[in-house]
Amino acid sequence: MLDGRVCDVSSAEELDNEIRDILALDRVGRGDEICGTLHVHYSDESVKKATLIPPLEARGVGIQWHRK
């Protein structure tokens, strides 16, 4: 079992949507829950071009890439 959040995406846009959900915790006063690791299951390398990766990493979240 993986620690952290797991997402299965097929595009950079889908990953950005997942990251938006994580970063939205700040807006609802739950920013202290933003930590740990995001496990990204993907099939296309373009997923790694998601624009919201840097802000997520700046919040202390590590990303583990898992190619399908």
Protein backbone atom coordinates (compact mmCIF):
# COMPACT_ATOMS: atom_id res chain seq x y z
CA MET A 1 0.00 0.00 0.00
CA LEU A 2 1.24 3.48 -0.88
CA ASP A 3 1.42 6.29 1.68
CA GLY A 4 -0.08 9.55 0.46
CA ARG A 5 -2.55 10.38 -2.25
CA VAL A 6 -2.79 8.31 -5.44
CA CYS A 7 -4.03 9.54 -8.79
CA ASP A 8 -4.31 7.90 -12.18
CA VAL A 9 -4.05 10.46 -14.99
CA SER A 10 -3.63 10.46 -18.74
CA SER A 11 -2.83 14.13 -19.37
CA ALA A 12 -1.13 17.13 -17.80
CA GLU A 13 -4.56 18.77 -17.55
CA GLU A 14 -5.89 15.88 -15.46
CA LEU A 15 -2.88 16.11 -13.15
CA ASP A 16 -3.37 19.87 -12.79
CA ASN A 17 -6.99 19.18 -11.76
CA GLU A 18 -5.81 16.71 -9.10
CA ILE A 19 -3.26 19.25 -7.83
CA ARG A 20 -5.94 21.98 -7.75
CA ASP A 21 -8.00 19.73 -5.46
CA ILE A 22 -5.02 19.32 -3.14
CA LEU A 23 -4.15 23.02 -3.09
CA ALA A 24 -7.84 23.89 -2.49
CA LEU A 25 -7.39 22.59 1.05
CA ASP A 26 -5.75 25.94 1.83
CA ARG A 27 -8.92 27.80 0.86
CA VAL A 28 -11.04 25.75 3.24
CA GLY A 29 -8.64 26.08 6.16
CA ARG A 30 -7.18 22.59 5.88
CA GLY A 31 -3.75 23.53 4.54
CA ASP A 32 -2.12 21.53 7.32
CA GLU A 33 -3.29 18.39 5.46
CA ILE A 34 -1.11 19.24 2.46
CA CYS A 35 1.93 17.07 2.97
CA GLY A 36 3.38 13.73 2.09
CA THR A 37 3.56 12.18 -1.34
CA LEU A 38 1.43 12.25 -4.45
CA HIS A 39 1.70 8.98 -6.37
CA VAL A 40 1.00 9.67 -10.03
CA HIS A 41 0.16 6.71 -12.26
CA TYR A 42 0.53 7.74 -15.90
CA SER A 43 1.10 6.34 -19.39
CA ASP A 44 2.30 9.44 -21.26
CA GLU A 45 5.40 11.42 -20.26
CA SER A 46 3.62 14.69 -21.13
CA VAL A 47 1.83 14.38 -17.79
CA LYS A 48 5.06 15.61 -16.18
CA LYS A 49 4.50 19.00 -17.85
CA ALA A 50 1.57 19.87 -15.59
CA THR A 51 1.86 23.55 -14.69
CA LEU A 52 0.90 23.14 -11.03
CA ILE A 53 3.71 20.74 -10.09
CA PRO A 54 6.05 23.52 -8.80
CA PRO A 55 3.47 25.07 -6.42
CA LEU A 56 2.62 21.62 -5.07
CA GLU A 57 6.27 20.78 -4.47
CA ALA A 58 6.71 24.20 -2.82
CA ARG A 59 4.07 23.11 -0.28
CA GLY A 60 6.28 20.15 0.62
CA VAL A 61 4.53 17.44 -1.37
CA GLY A 62 6.81 14.95 -3.09
CA ILE A 63 5.78 13.30 -6.32
CA GLN A 64 6.43 9.65 -7.09
CA TRP A 65 5.96 8.78 -10.75
CA HIS A 66 4.61 5.32 -11.65
CA ARG A 67 4.46 4.50 -15.35
CA LYS A 68 1.58 2.20 -16.31
